[in-house]
């Protein structure tokens, strides 16, 4: 299962909502027999990286979104959570 574009609006951040949403996605995937949850986030999304790593996701790779991204060394980090 791929988790895409999870976001909590600024006025609701810091209340544990992202952690709860992440746990719900993992429970949803597990209940439906998925083997893993994968996601990608950019190098500048440090809070997202901390969230996912804190939930047990592991970084499994990096890539560049475009030639310009390569030139600017702008990386996309890929994460995986095995269920």
Protein backbone atom coordinates (compact mmCIF):
# COMPACT_ATOMS: atom_id res chain seq x y z
CA UNK A 1 0.00 0.00 0.00
CA UNK A 2 1.36 3.46 -0.84
CA UNK A 3 0.71 6.37 1.49
CA UNK A 4 0.44 9.56 -0.58
CA UNK A 5 0.35 13.18 0.54
CA UNK A 6 -0.64 12.90 4.18
CA UNK A 7 -0.92 16.36 5.70
CA UNK A 8 -2.32 18.05 8.79
CA UNK A 9 -3.23 21.73 8.54
CA UNK A 10 -0.97 24.11 10.42
CA UNK A 11 -3.57 25.08 12.99
CA UNK A 12 -3.99 21.43 14.03
CA UNK A 13 -0.34 20.39 14.14
CA UNK A 14 1.35 19.35 17.36
CA UNK A 15 -1.66 17.41 18.66
CA UNK A 16 -0.61 13.94 17.59
CA UNK A 17 -2.98 13.80 14.62
CA UNK A 18 -0.30 12.80 12.12
CA UNK A 19 0.85 9.96 14.39
CA UNK A 20 -2.75 8.80 14.79
CA UNK A 21 -3.35 8.96 11.02
CA UNK A 22 -0.17 7.02 10.40
CA UNK A 23 -1.17 4.32 12.91
CA UNK A 24 -4.60 4.11 11.24
CA UNK A 25 -3.03 3.63 7.80
CA UNK A 26 -0.84 0.84 9.17
CA UNK A 27 -3.84 -0.85 10.84
CA UNK A 28 -5.89 -0.48 7.63
CA UNK A 29 -3.14 -2.05 5.52
CA UNK A 30 -2.51 -4.84 8.03
CA UNK A 31 -6.23 -5.71 8.28
CA UNK A 32 -6.46 -6.00 4.50
CA UNK A 33 -3.45 -8.25 4.12
CA UNK A 34 -0.94 -5.84 2.62
CA UNK A 35 2.67 -6.82 3.12
CA UNK A 36 4.08 -3.31 3.50
CA UNK A 37 3.31 0.39 3.44
CA UNK A 38 5.61 2.56 1.33
CA UNK A 39 5.90 6.32 0.99
CA UNK A 40 8.17 9.07 -0.24
CA UNK A 41 9.00 12.47 1.19
CA UNK A 42 11.48 15.17 0.27
CA UNK A 43 14.70 16.01 2.04
CA UNK A 44 13.23 19.31 3.27
CA UNK A 45 10.30 17.61 5.04
CA UNK A 46 12.29 16.99 8.21
CA UNK A 47 9.22 16.76 10.48
CA UNK A 48 7.72 14.14 8.16
CA UNK A 49 10.96 12.15 8.23
CA UNK A 50 10.93 12.20 12.04
CA UNK A 51 7.28 11.16 12.09
CA UNK A 52 7.75 8.19 9.78
CA UNK A 53 10.98 7.02 11.38
CA UNK A 54 9.35 7.36 14.81
CA UNK A 55 6.51 5.13 13.62
CA UNK A 56 8.98 2.44 12.55
CA UNK A 57 9.37 3.18 8.83
CA UNK A 58 12.86 2.61 7.50
CA UNK A 59 14.53 4.56 4.74
CA UNK A 60 15.08 2.23 1.79
CA UNK A 61 16.40 4.58 -0.86
CA UNK A 62 16.75 8.01 -2.37
CA UNK A 63 16.07 9.48 -5.78
CA UNK A 64 15.96 12.81 -7.58
CA UNK A 65 12.64 14.13 -8.93
CA UNK A 66 14.16 15.62 -12.09
CA UNK A 67 17.35 16.71 -13.80
CA UNK A 68 17.07 20.04 -11.98
CA UNK A 69 16.63 18.14 -8.72
CA UNK A 70 19.82 16.26 -9.48
CA UNK A 71 21.71 19.46 -10.23
CA UNK A 72 20.46 21.02 -6.98
CA UNK A 73 21.01 17.77 -5.02
CA UNK A 74 17.31 17.81 -4.03
CA UNK A 75 16.57 14.28 -2.88
CA UNK A 76 13.40 12.31 -2.38
CA UNK A 77 13.60 9.75 0.43
CA UNK A 78 11.74 6.45 0.11
CA UNK A 79 10.44 4.68 3.21
CA UNK A 80 8.97 1.25 3.90
CA UNK A 81 7.14 -0.33 6.82
CA UNK A 82 6.89 -4.12 6.61
CA UNK A 83 3.71 -5.45 8.13
